[in-house]
């Protein structure tokens, strides 16, 4: 289904303040697929007397679990702002699909058949699966169970990454403390060597 707007338009303004757009919330469970499509230029075709086409950057908006309501839109400033990182990566290498997060095909609990089924429903990352709406997840066999598995796996992965980060920071702190101790010991040793030596004491007084 191709549409350029209307009911359910994903380009509507959302957010808290005036003209504020919460792209992070808007893009949950959404995968943009950028591509180039030849579009007939009506004015140029009429002038040339033959069909004239121009290449236009376009994007297909896929919502995880909802493969029947896809919107194709020309890549304009609004699209570039909403999907700034994905568009930049697509521009860099022209990959058809830019995936944010952990690709669903790299998630070990799934079989190849399950991966194919998930991708057929527009679920390209574990984050897509986690962020599926209740309506869309109901279309997926055992969808709620898989959504909970995705959420638990991502939370565990985040916790593990935090533990590794804290362990690395603690190790750096220990190394820095040892380095400072070594510097202080060397400084103390150097000060001891450079201190002036005392002369001999006054000789004892001779008895008369």
N, C-alpha and C. Protein backbone atom coordinates (compact mmCIF):
# COMPACT_ATOMS: atom_id res chain seq x y z
N UNK A 1 0.86 -1.20 0.00
CA UNK A 1 0.00 0.00 0.00
C UNK A 1 0.87 1.23 0.00
N UNK A 2 0.66 2.09 -0.96
CA UNK A 2 1.47 3.29 -1.07
C UNK A 2 0.61 4.51 -0.86
N UNK A 3 1.11 5.42 -0.05
CA UNK A 3 0.34 6.61 0.27
C UNK A 3 1.32 7.73 0.57
N UNK A 4 0.87 8.94 0.41
CA UNK A 4 1.73 10.07 0.70
C UNK A 4 1.21 10.90 1.85
N UNK A 5 0.34 10.38 2.65
CA UNK A 5 -0.15 11.13 3.79
C UNK A 5 -1.51 10.65 4.18
N UNK A 6 -2.28 11.53 4.86
CA UNK A 6 -3.64 11.18 5.21
C UNK A 6 -3.71 10.64 6.61
N UNK A 7 -4.76 9.82 6.87
CA UNK A 7 -4.99 9.29 8.20
C UNK A 7 -3.81 8.41 8.60
N UNK A 8 -3.38 8.57 9.84
CA UNK A 8 -2.25 7.79 10.32
C UNK A 8 -0.92 8.26 9.78
N UNK A 9 -0.88 9.47 9.30
CA UNK A 9 0.36 10.02 8.75
C UNK A 9 1.46 10.02 9.81
N UNK A 10 2.58 9.27 9.61
CA UNK A 10 3.63 9.20 10.63
C UNK A 10 4.47 10.45 10.69
N UNK A 11 4.18 11.45 9.84
CA UNK A 11 4.98 12.66 9.85
C UNK A 11 4.31 13.78 10.64
N UNK A 12 3.23 13.43 11.36
CA UNK A 12 2.54 14.45 12.16
C UNK A 12 3.44 14.92 13.29
N UNK A 13 3.24 16.18 13.70
CA UNK A 13 4.04 16.75 14.78
C UNK A 13 3.59 16.17 16.11
N UNK A 14 4.56 15.71 16.90
CA UNK A 14 4.28 15.23 18.24
C UNK A 14 5.29 15.84 19.17
N UNK A 15 5.07 15.66 20.47
CA UNK A 15 6.05 16.17 21.42
C UNK A 15 5.39 17.05 22.45
N UNK A 16 6.21 17.61 23.32
CA UNK A 16 5.67 18.36 24.44
C UNK A 16 5.41 19.81 24.17
N UNK A 17 6.28 20.50 23.49
CA UNK A 17 6.17 21.95 23.33
C UNK A 17 5.71 22.35 21.95
N UNK A 18 5.65 23.65 21.73
CA UNK A 18 5.21 24.19 20.44
C UNK A 18 6.19 23.79 19.34
N UNK A 19 5.65 23.16 18.29
CA UNK A 19 6.46 22.69 17.16
C UNK A 19 7.57 21.72 17.59
N UNK A 20 7.36 21.04 18.70
CA UNK A 20 8.36 20.09 19.18
C UNK A 20 8.03 18.70 18.64
N UNK A 21 9.05 17.99 18.17
CA UNK A 21 8.85 16.66 17.63
C UNK A 21 9.73 15.67 18.38
N UNK A 22 9.12 14.68 18.96
CA UNK A 22 9.85 13.65 19.70
C UNK A 22 10.14 12.51 18.74
N UNK A 23 11.24 12.61 18.00
CA UNK A 23 11.56 11.61 16.99
C UNK A 23 11.83 10.24 17.61
N UNK A 24 12.47 10.20 18.79
CA UNK A 24 12.78 8.92 19.42
C UNK A 24 11.51 8.13 19.70
N UNK A 25 10.49 8.82 20.20
CA UNK A 25 9.22 8.15 20.48
C UNK A 25 8.50 7.79 19.19
N UNK A 26 8.52 8.70 18.23
CA UNK A 26 7.84 8.48 16.96
C UNK A 26 8.43 7.29 16.20
N UNK A 27 9.73 7.07 16.32
CA UNK A 27 10.41 6.06 15.51
C UNK A 27 10.48 4.69 16.17
N UNK A 28 9.86 4.51 17.33
CA UNK A 28 9.90 3.20 17.99
C UNK A 28 9.23 2.16 17.10
N UNK A 29 9.95 1.06 16.84
CA UNK A 29 9.41 -0.01 16.01
C UNK A 29 9.31 0.33 14.54
N UNK A 30 9.98 1.40 14.11
CA UNK A 30 9.88 1.86 12.72
C UNK A 30 11.22 1.66 12.01
N UNK A 31 11.17 1.13 10.81
CA UNK A 31 12.37 0.98 9.98
C UNK A 31 12.17 1.74 8.67
N UNK A 32 13.04 2.71 8.38
CA UNK A 32 12.96 3.40 7.09
C UNK A 32 13.81 2.67 6.05
N UNK A 33 13.27 2.46 4.90
CA UNK A 33 14.02 1.85 3.80
C UNK A 33 14.14 2.89 2.69
N UNK A 34 15.34 3.38 2.49
CA UNK A 34 15.58 4.41 1.48
C UNK A 34 15.91 3.75 0.14
N UNK A 35 15.51 4.40 -0.94
CA UNK A 35 15.81 3.88 -2.27
C UNK A 35 15.68 5.03 -3.27
N UNK A 36 16.16 4.77 -4.45
CA UNK A 36 16.05 5.75 -5.54
C UNK A 36 15.12 5.19 -6.60
N UNK A 37 14.17 6.01 -7.02
CA UNK A 37 13.17 5.56 -7.99
C UNK A 37 13.06 6.58 -9.12
N UNK A 38 13.02 6.10 -10.36
CA UNK A 38 12.83 7.04 -11.48
C UNK A 38 11.39 7.54 -11.51
N UNK A 39 11.23 8.85 -11.52
CA UNK A 39 9.91 9.48 -11.52
C UNK A 39 9.75 10.29 -12.80
N UNK A 40 8.62 10.13 -13.45
CA UNK A 40 8.40 10.84 -14.70
C UNK A 40 8.25 12.33 -14.43
N UNK A 41 9.00 13.14 -15.16
CA UNK A 41 8.93 14.60 -15.06
C UNK A 41 7.95 15.08 -16.12
N UNK A 42 6.76 15.46 -15.65
CA UNK A 42 5.71 15.82 -16.60
C UNK A 42 6.08 17.01 -17.48
N UNK A 43 6.60 18.07 -16.87
CA UNK A 43 6.94 19.28 -17.63
C UNK A 43 8.05 18.99 -18.64
N UNK A 44 9.09 18.28 -18.18
CA UNK A 44 10.21 17.97 -19.07
C UNK A 44 9.78 17.03 -20.19
N UNK A 45 8.88 16.09 -19.87
CA UNK A 45 8.39 15.15 -20.89
C UNK A 45 7.59 15.89 -21.96
N UNK A 46 6.75 16.83 -21.52
CA UNK A 46 5.94 17.59 -22.48
C UNK A 46 6.82 18.45 -23.37
N UNK A 47 7.85 19.02 -22.77
CA UNK A 47 8.75 19.88 -23.55
C UNK A 47 9.56 19.07 -24.55
N UNK A 48 10.01 17.88 -24.14
CA UNK A 48 10.85 17.06 -25.00
C UNK A 48 10.04 16.23 -25.98
N UNK A 49 8.77 16.08 -25.71
CA UNK A 49 7.94 15.26 -26.59
C UNK A 49 8.18 13.78 -26.40
N UNK A 50 8.74 13.41 -25.33
CA UNK A 50 9.01 12.01 -25.00
C UNK A 50 9.08 11.88 -23.48
N UNK A 51 8.93 10.66 -22.97
CA UNK A 51 8.99 10.48 -21.52
C UNK A 51 10.39 10.82 -20.98
N UNK A 52 10.42 11.70 -20.01
CA UNK A 52 11.66 12.07 -19.35
C UNK A 52 11.52 11.75 -17.86
N UNK A 53 12.49 11.03 -17.37
CA UNK A 53 12.44 10.61 -15.96
C UNK A 53 13.60 11.24 -15.19
N UNK A 54 13.35 11.51 -13.92
CA UNK A 54 14.41 11.97 -13.01
C UNK A 54 14.47 11.00 -11.84
N UNK A 55 15.66 10.85 -11.26
CA UNK A 55 15.81 9.98 -10.10
C UNK A 55 15.43 10.75 -8.84
N UNK A 56 14.61 10.13 -8.04
CA UNK A 56 14.15 10.77 -6.81
C UNK A 56 14.44 9.85 -5.62
N UNK A 57 14.99 10.43 -4.56
CA UNK A 57 15.20 9.67 -3.33
C UNK A 57 13.85 9.51 -2.64
N UNK A 58 13.55 8.29 -2.25
CA UNK A 58 12.29 8.01 -1.58
C UNK A 58 12.54 7.11 -0.38
N UNK A 59 11.56 7.05 0.51
CA UNK A 59 11.69 6.22 1.71
C UNK A 59 10.39 5.47 1.93
N UNK A 60 10.52 4.21 2.27
CA UNK A 60 9.36 3.39 2.64
C UNK A 60 9.38 3.23 4.17
N UNK A 61 8.32 3.64 4.82
CA UNK A 61 8.23 3.57 6.28
C UNK A 61 7.57 2.26 6.65
N UNK A 62 8.31 1.41 7.36
CA UNK A 62 7.78 0.10 7.78
C UNK A 62 7.63 0.09 9.29
N UNK A 63 6.43 -0.20 9.76
CA UNK A 63 6.16 -0.34 11.19
C UNK A 63 6.16 -1.82 11.51
N UNK A 64 6.95 -2.22 12.50
CA UNK A 64 7.09 -3.63 12.85
C UNK A 64 5.72 -4.27 13.08
N UNK A 65 5.46 -5.35 12.36
CA UNK A 65 4.23 -6.10 12.51
C UNK A 65 3.07 -5.60 11.67
N UNK A 66 3.21 -4.47 10.99
CA UNK A 66 2.13 -3.90 10.19
C UNK A 66 2.61 -3.75 8.75
N UNK A 67 2.46 -4.81 7.99
CA UNK A 67 2.96 -4.81 6.62
C UNK A 67 1.89 -4.33 5.62
N UNK A 68 0.71 -3.95 6.12
CA UNK A 68 -0.38 -3.56 5.23
C UNK A 68 -0.59 -2.05 5.20
N UNK A 69 0.21 -1.31 5.93
CA UNK A 69 0.04 0.14 5.97
C UNK A 69 1.40 0.80 5.84
N UNK A 70 2.03 0.57 4.70
CA UNK A 70 3.34 1.15 4.44
C UNK A 70 3.17 2.45 3.65
N UNK A 71 3.92 3.45 4.07
CA UNK A 71 3.86 4.75 3.41
C UNK A 71 5.17 5.01 2.69
N UNK A 72 5.08 5.37 1.41
CA UNK A 72 6.25 5.75 0.63
C UNK A 72 6.21 7.26 0.46
N UNK A 73 7.33 7.89 0.74
CA UNK A 73 7.35 9.35 0.77
C UNK A 73 8.64 9.84 0.12
N UNK A 74 8.59 10.93 -0.65
CA UNK A 74 9.84 11.53 -1.15
C UNK A 74 10.71 11.95 0.03
N UNK A 75 12.00 11.87 -0.16
CA UNK A 75 12.92 12.28 0.91
C UNK A 75 13.03 13.80 0.89
N UNK A 76 12.32 14.42 1.83
CA UNK A 76 12.37 15.87 1.96
C UNK A 76 13.05 16.24 3.27
N UNK A 77 13.02 17.52 3.63
CA UNK A 77 13.71 17.96 4.85
C UNK A 77 13.13 17.30 6.09
N UNK A 78 11.81 17.09 6.11
CA UNK A 78 11.19 16.46 7.27
C UNK A 78 11.70 15.04 7.47
N UNK A 79 11.83 14.29 6.36
CA UNK A 79 12.35 12.93 6.44
C UNK A 79 13.80 12.94 6.89
N UNK A 80 14.59 13.84 6.35
CA UNK A 80 16.01 13.91 6.70
C UNK A 80 16.19 14.25 8.18
N UNK A 81 15.30 15.06 8.74
CA UNK A 81 15.38 15.38 10.16
C UNK A 81 14.94 14.20 11.01
N UNK A 82 13.85 13.56 10.62
CA UNK A 82 13.32 12.46 11.42
C UNK A 82 14.27 11.27 11.44
N UNK A 83 14.84 10.93 10.29
CA UNK A 83 15.72 9.77 10.19
C UNK A 83 17.13 10.23 9.83
N UNK A 84 17.64 11.19 10.57
CA UNK A 84 18.92 11.81 10.21
C UNK A 84 20.06 10.78 10.17
N UNK A 85 20.18 9.95 11.20
CA UNK A 85 21.29 8.98 11.24
C UNK A 85 21.13 7.93 10.16
N UNK A 86 19.92 7.40 10.01
CA UNK A 86 19.71 6.36 8.99
C UNK A 86 19.96 6.89 7.59
N UNK A 87 19.51 8.13 7.35
CA UNK A 87 19.70 8.71 6.02
C UNK A 87 21.18 8.95 5.73
N UNK A 88 21.91 9.40 6.75
CA UNK A 88 23.35 9.65 6.57
C UNK A 88 24.07 8.35 6.26
N UNK A 89 23.71 7.27 6.95
CA UNK A 89 24.38 5.98 6.68
C UNK A 89 24.00 5.46 5.29
N UNK A 90 22.75 5.65 4.90
CA UNK A 90 22.34 5.22 3.57
C UNK A 90 23.07 6.03 2.51
N UNK A 91 23.23 7.32 2.73
CA UNK A 91 23.96 8.16 1.79
C UNK A 91 25.41 7.71 1.66
N UNK A 92 25.97 7.23 2.77
CA UNK A 92 27.39 6.85 2.77
C UNK A 92 27.65 5.61 1.92
N UNK A 93 26.73 4.64 1.95
CA UNK A 93 27.02 3.39 1.23
C UNK A 93 25.85 2.88 0.39
N UNK A 94 24.72 3.63 0.41
CA UNK A 94 23.55 3.28 -0.39
C UNK A 94 23.02 1.88 -0.09
N UNK A 95 23.15 1.44 1.16
CA UNK A 95 22.52 0.19 1.54
C UNK A 95 21.01 0.36 1.48
N UNK A 96 20.33 -0.68 1.02
CA UNK A 96 18.88 -0.59 0.91
C UNK A 96 18.24 -0.49 2.29
N UNK A 97 18.76 -1.25 3.26
CA UNK A 97 18.16 -1.27 4.57
C UNK A 97 19.18 -0.84 5.61
N UNK A 98 18.83 0.11 6.44
CA UNK A 98 19.69 0.57 7.53
C UNK A 98 19.03 0.15 8.83
N UNK A 99 19.68 -0.72 9.57
CA UNK A 99 19.10 -1.29 10.78
C UNK A 99 19.72 -0.65 12.00
N UNK A 100 18.86 -0.16 12.89
CA UNK A 100 19.32 0.37 14.17
C UNK A 100 19.22 -0.74 15.22
N UNK A 101 20.30 -0.93 15.97
CA UNK A 101 20.27 -1.93 17.03
C UNK A 101 20.84 -3.26 16.60
N UNK A 102 20.35 -4.33 17.23
CA UNK A 102 20.83 -5.69 16.95
C UNK A 102 19.98 -6.31 15.85
N UNK A 103 20.57 -6.65 14.69
CA UNK A 103 19.78 -7.26 13.61
C UNK A 103 19.08 -8.52 14.09
N UNK A 104 17.84 -8.70 13.70
CA UNK A 104 17.08 -9.86 14.15
C UNK A 104 17.73 -11.15 13.68
N UNK A 105 18.41 -11.10 12.55
CA UNK A 105 19.06 -12.31 12.03
C UNK A 105 20.30 -12.69 12.82
N UNK A 106 20.78 -11.77 13.69
CA UNK A 106 21.93 -12.07 14.54
C UNK A 106 21.51 -12.48 15.95
N UNK A 107 20.19 -12.59 16.19
CA UNK A 107 19.69 -12.93 17.52
C UNK A 107 19.62 -14.44 17.64
N UNK A 108 20.43 -15.00 18.51
CA UNK A 108 20.62 -16.45 18.57
C UNK A 108 19.37 -17.27 18.88
N UNK A 109 18.36 -16.78 19.66
CA UNK A 109 17.21 -17.65 19.94
C UNK A 109 16.38 -18.04 18.73
N UNK A 110 16.53 -17.33 17.62
CA UNK A 110 15.67 -17.57 16.46
C UNK A 110 16.30 -18.53 15.47
N UNK A 111 15.45 -19.34 14.85
CA UNK A 111 15.89 -20.17 13.74
C UNK A 111 15.88 -19.33 12.46
N UNK A 112 16.48 -19.85 11.41
CA UNK A 112 16.49 -19.13 10.14
C UNK A 112 15.07 -18.92 9.63
N UNK A 113 14.21 -19.91 9.84
CA UNK A 113 12.82 -19.78 9.40
C UNK A 113 12.11 -18.68 10.17
N UNK A 114 12.36 -18.59 11.47
CA UNK A 114 11.74 -17.54 12.26
C UNK A 114 12.26 -16.16 11.86
N UNK A 115 13.56 -16.09 11.56
CA UNK A 115 14.13 -14.83 11.10
C UNK A 115 13.43 -14.37 9.83
N UNK A 116 13.27 -15.29 8.89
CA UNK A 116 12.61 -14.95 7.63
C UNK A 116 11.18 -14.49 7.87
N UNK A 117 10.48 -15.17 8.79
CA UNK A 117 9.10 -14.79 9.09
C UNK A 117 9.04 -13.42 9.75
N UNK A 118 9.96 -13.14 10.66
CA UNK A 118 9.98 -11.84 11.33
C UNK A 118 10.28 -10.72 10.33
N UNK A 119 11.27 -10.94 9.48
CA UNK A 119 11.62 -9.90 8.51
C UNK A 119 10.50 -9.67 7.51
N UNK A 120 9.75 -10.72 7.20
CA UNK A 120 8.62 -10.56 6.30
C UNK A 120 7.54 -9.67 6.90
N UNK A 121 7.56 -9.56 8.24
CA UNK A 121 6.59 -8.70 8.94
C UNK A 121 7.20 -7.34 9.29
N UNK A 122 8.39 -7.05 8.73
CA UNK A 122 8.99 -5.75 8.96
C UNK A 122 9.73 -5.64 10.28
N UNK A 123 10.09 -6.77 10.87
CA UNK A 123 10.83 -6.78 12.13
C UNK A 123 12.28 -7.08 11.79
N UNK A 124 13.12 -6.06 11.76
CA UNK A 124 14.49 -6.22 11.30
C UNK A 124 15.52 -6.19 12.45
N UNK A 125 15.09 -5.80 13.63
CA UNK A 125 16.01 -5.75 14.77
C UNK A 125 15.30 -6.23 16.02
N UNK A 126 16.10 -6.60 17.03
CA UNK A 126 15.53 -7.01 18.31
C UNK A 126 14.79 -5.83 18.93
N UNK A 127 15.31 -4.62 18.69
CA UNK A 127 14.63 -3.42 19.20
C UNK A 127 13.27 -3.23 18.54
N UNK A 128 13.17 -3.54 17.24
CA UNK A 128 11.87 -3.48 16.56
C UNK A 128 10.86 -4.39 17.26
N UNK A 129 11.30 -5.59 17.58
CA UNK A 129 10.42 -6.56 18.24
C UNK A 129 10.00 -6.07 19.62
N UNK A 130 10.94 -5.54 20.36
CA UNK A 130 10.63 -5.02 21.70
C UNK A 130 9.63 -3.89 21.65
N UNK A 131 9.70 -3.05 20.62
CA UNK A 131 8.89 -1.84 20.55
C UNK A 131 7.57 -2.03 19.81
N UNK A 132 7.22 -3.25 19.44
CA UNK A 132 5.97 -3.48 18.73
C UNK A 132 4.78 -3.11 19.60
N UNK A 133 3.77 -2.52 18.96
CA UNK A 133 2.54 -2.17 19.68
C UNK A 133 1.75 -3.44 19.99
N UNK A 134 0.80 -3.33 20.93
CA UNK A 134 -0.03 -4.48 21.28
C UNK A 134 -0.83 -4.96 20.08
N UNK A 135 -1.31 -4.01 19.26
CA UNK A 135 -2.09 -4.39 18.08
C UNK A 135 -1.26 -5.19 17.10
N UNK A 136 -0.07 -4.71 16.79
CA UNK A 136 0.76 -5.38 15.79
C UNK A 136 1.36 -6.67 16.31
N UNK A 137 1.69 -6.72 17.60
CA UNK A 137 2.31 -7.92 18.13
C UNK A 137 1.33 -9.09 18.15
N UNK A 138 0.03 -8.77 18.18
CA UNK A 138 -0.98 -9.84 18.18
C UNK A 138 -1.03 -10.56 16.84
N UNK A 139 -0.48 -9.95 15.79
CA UNK A 139 -0.45 -10.58 14.47
C UNK A 139 0.69 -11.57 14.34
N UNK A 140 1.59 -11.55 15.29
CA UNK A 140 2.77 -12.41 15.25
C UNK A 140 2.52 -13.66 16.09
N UNK A 141 2.74 -14.86 15.56
CA UNK A 141 2.56 -16.06 16.38
C UNK A 141 3.42 -15.99 17.64
N UNK A 142 2.77 -16.19 18.79
CA UNK A 142 3.45 -16.07 20.08
C UNK A 142 4.16 -14.72 20.20
N UNK A 143 3.52 -13.71 19.62
CA UNK A 143 4.15 -12.39 19.56
C UNK A 143 4.46 -11.78 20.91
N UNK A 144 3.51 -11.88 21.84
CA UNK A 144 3.75 -11.28 23.15
C UNK A 144 4.91 -11.95 23.88
N UNK A 145 5.01 -13.28 23.74
CA UNK A 145 6.12 -14.00 24.37
C UNK A 145 7.46 -13.58 23.77
N UNK A 146 7.48 -13.44 22.44
CA UNK A 146 8.73 -13.03 21.79
C UNK A 146 9.08 -11.59 22.13
N UNK A 147 8.06 -10.75 22.26
CA UNK A 147 8.32 -9.36 22.64
C UNK A 147 8.93 -9.29 24.04
N UNK A 148 8.42 -10.10 24.97
CA UNK A 148 8.98 -10.12 26.33
C UNK A 148 10.41 -10.68 26.33
N UNK A 149 10.65 -11.69 25.51
CA UNK A 149 12.00 -12.25 25.40
C UNK A 149 12.98 -11.19 24.88
N UNK A 150 12.52 -10.43 23.88
CA UNK A 150 13.38 -9.37 23.32
C UNK A 150 13.66 -8.32 24.37
N UNK A 151 12.62 -7.91 25.13
CA UNK A 151 12.81 -6.89 26.16
C UNK A 151 13.77 -7.38 27.23
N UNK A 152 13.59 -8.64 27.68
CA UNK A 152 14.46 -9.19 28.73
C UNK A 152 15.90 -9.31 28.24
N UNK A 153 16.06 -9.73 26.98
CA UNK A 153 17.41 -9.91 26.43
C UNK A 153 18.13 -8.57 26.33
N UNK A 154 17.42 -7.55 25.86
CA UNK A 154 18.04 -6.23 25.73
C UNK A 154 18.37 -5.63 27.09
N UNK A 155 17.49 -5.83 28.08
CA UNK A 155 17.78 -5.33 29.43
C UNK A 155 19.00 -6.03 30.02
N UNK A 156 19.09 -7.35 29.81
CA UNK A 156 20.25 -8.09 30.32
C UNK A 156 21.53 -7.65 29.61
N UNK A 157 21.42 -7.42 28.30
CA UNK A 157 22.59 -6.98 27.55
C UNK A 157 23.06 -5.61 28.02
N UNK A 158 22.09 -4.73 28.30
CA UNK A 158 22.44 -3.39 28.79
C UNK A 158 23.09 -3.47 30.16
N UNK A 159 22.52 -4.32 31.04
CA UNK A 159 23.10 -4.49 32.38
C UNK A 159 24.51 -5.05 32.29
N UNK A 160 24.70 -6.05 31.40
CA UNK A 160 26.04 -6.61 31.24
C UNK A 160 27.03 -5.60 30.72
N UNK A 161 26.57 -4.76 29.77
CA UNK A 161 27.46 -3.72 29.24
C UNK A 161 27.82 -2.73 30.32
N UNK A 162 26.85 -2.38 31.20
CA UNK A 162 27.14 -1.45 32.30
C UNK A 162 28.14 -2.05 33.27
N UNK A 163 27.98 -3.36 33.56
CA UNK A 163 28.93 -4.03 34.46
C UNK A 163 30.34 -4.02 33.87
N UNK A 164 30.44 -4.29 32.58
CA UNK A 164 31.75 -4.28 31.93
C UNK A 164 32.35 -2.88 31.94
N UNK A 165 31.50 -1.86 31.74
CA UNK A 165 31.99 -0.49 31.75
C UNK A 165 32.50 -0.10 33.14
N UNK A 166 31.74 -0.48 34.18
CA UNK A 166 32.17 -0.17 35.55
C UNK A 166 33.45 -0.91 35.90
N UNK A 167 33.55 -2.18 35.47
CA UNK A 167 34.76 -2.94 35.74
C UNK A 167 35.97 -2.30 35.06
N UNK A 168 35.78 -1.84 33.83
CA UNK A 168 36.87 -1.19 33.11
C UNK A 168 37.26 0.12 33.79
N UNK A 169 36.27 0.89 34.26
CA UNK A 169 36.56 2.14 34.95
C UNK A 169 37.30 1.88 36.26
N UNK A 170 36.89 0.84 36.99
CA UNK A 170 37.58 0.50 38.24
C UNK A 170 39.02 0.08 37.98
N UNK A 171 39.22 -0.66 36.91
CA UNK A 171 40.58 -1.09 36.58
C UNK A 171 41.45 0.10 36.21
N UNK A 172 40.87 1.07 35.48
CA UNK A 172 41.62 2.27 35.13
C UNK A 172 41.96 3.08 36.39
N UNK A 173 41.03 3.13 37.34
CA UNK A 173 41.28 3.85 38.59
C UNK A 173 42.39 3.18 39.40
N UNK A 174 42.35 1.84 39.45
CA UNK A 174 43.40 1.12 40.18
C UNK A 174 44.76 1.35 39.53
N UNK A 175 44.78 1.32 38.21
CA UNK A 175 46.05 1.55 37.52
C UNK A 175 46.56 2.97 37.77
N UNK A 176 45.65 3.95 37.80
CA UNK A 176 46.05 5.33 38.04
C UNK A 176 46.58 5.51 39.47
N UNK A 177 45.92 4.85 40.43
CA UNK A 177 46.37 4.94 41.82
C UNK A 177 47.76 4.32 41.97
N UNK A 178 47.98 3.18 41.34
CA UNK A 178 49.30 2.53 41.40
C UNK A 178 50.36 3.42 40.75
N UNK A 179 49.98 4.07 39.66
CA UNK A 179 50.94 4.95 38.99
C UNK A 179 51.30 6.14 39.89
N UNK A 180 50.30 6.71 40.56
CA UNK A 180 50.55 7.83 41.46
C UNK A 180 51.40 7.40 42.66
N UNK A 181 51.13 6.21 43.19
CA UNK A 181 51.95 5.70 44.30
C UNK A 181 53.41 5.54 43.87
N UNK A 182 53.60 5.04 42.67
CA UNK A 182 54.95 4.85 42.17
C UNK A 182 55.67 6.19 42.01
N UNK A 183 54.93 7.19 41.50
CA UNK A 183 55.51 8.52 41.33
C UNK A 183 55.88 9.13 42.67
N UNK A 184 55.02 8.95 43.68
CA UNK A 184 55.29 9.50 45.01
C UNK A 184 56.49 8.82 45.65
N UNK A 185 56.60 7.50 45.44
CA UNK A 185 57.74 6.78 46.00
C UNK A 185 59.04 7.24 45.35
N UNK A 186 59.00 7.44 44.03
CA UNK A 186 60.20 7.91 43.34
C UNK A 186 60.54 9.32 43.76
N UNK A 187 59.52 10.17 43.96
CA UNK A 187 59.77 11.54 44.40
C UNK A 187 60.37 11.57 45.80
N UNK A 188 59.86 10.74 46.69
CA UNK A 188 60.40 10.67 48.05
C UNK A 188 61.84 10.19 48.05
N UNK A 189 62.13 9.21 47.20
CA UNK A 189 63.50 8.70 47.12
C UNK A 189 64.45 9.78 46.60
N UNK A 190 63.99 10.53 45.59
CA UNK A 190 64.84 11.59 45.05
C UNK A 190 65.08 12.70 46.08
N UNK A 191 64.05 13.05 46.86
CA UNK A 191 64.21 14.06 47.90
C UNK A 191 65.19 13.59 48.96
N UNK A 192 65.16 12.32 49.30
CA UNK A 192 66.08 11.78 50.29
C UNK A 192 67.52 11.85 49.83
N UNK A 193 67.74 11.60 48.55
CA UNK A 193 69.12 11.64 48.04
C UNK A 193 69.64 13.07 47.97
N UNK A 194 68.76 14.04 47.70
CA UNK A 194 69.18 15.42 47.52
C UNK A 194 69.27 16.20 48.83
N UNK A 195 68.82 15.66 49.97
CA UNK A 195 68.85 16.39 51.25
C UNK A 195 70.29 16.60 51.71
N UNK A 196 70.64 17.80 52.23
CA UNK A 196 72.03 18.05 52.70
C UNK A 196 72.38 17.17 53.90
N UNK A 197 73.59 16.64 53.86
CA UNK A 197 74.04 15.77 54.95
C UNK A 197 74.53 16.60 56.14
N UNK A 198 74.21 16.17 57.35
CA UNK A 198 74.65 16.87 58.56
C UNK A 198 76.15 16.66 58.80
N UNK A 199 76.78 17.75 59.27
CA UNK A 199 78.20 17.62 59.64
C UNK A 199 78.34 16.90 60.98
N UNK A 200 79.56 16.63 61.38
CA UNK A 200 79.78 15.96 62.66
C UNK A 200 79.33 16.85 63.81
N UNK A 201 78.84 16.25 64.87
CA UNK A 201 78.40 17.03 66.02
C UNK A 201 79.53 17.70 66.77
N UNK A 202 79.21 18.64 67.73
CA UNK A 202 80.25 19.31 68.51
C UNK A 202 80.98 18.29 69.38
N UNK A 203 82.28 18.37 69.40
CA UNK A 203 83.04 17.41 70.22
C UNK A 203 82.72 17.62 71.71
N UNK A 204 82.77 16.58 72.47
CA UNK A 204 82.47 16.71 73.90
C UNK A 204 83.45 17.66 74.60
N UNK A 205 83.00 18.42 75.62
CA UNK A 205 83.83 19.39 76.35
C UNK A 205 84.84 18.66 77.21
N UNK A 206 86.10 19.11 77.14
CA UNK A 206 87.17 18.46 77.89
C UNK A 206 87.13 18.92 79.34
N UNK A 207 87.35 18.01 80.25
CA UNK A 207 87.38 18.34 81.69
C UNK A 207 88.65 19.13 81.99
N UNK A 208 88.52 20.15 82.88
CA UNK A 208 89.65 20.99 83.23
C UNK A 208 90.67 20.19 84.04
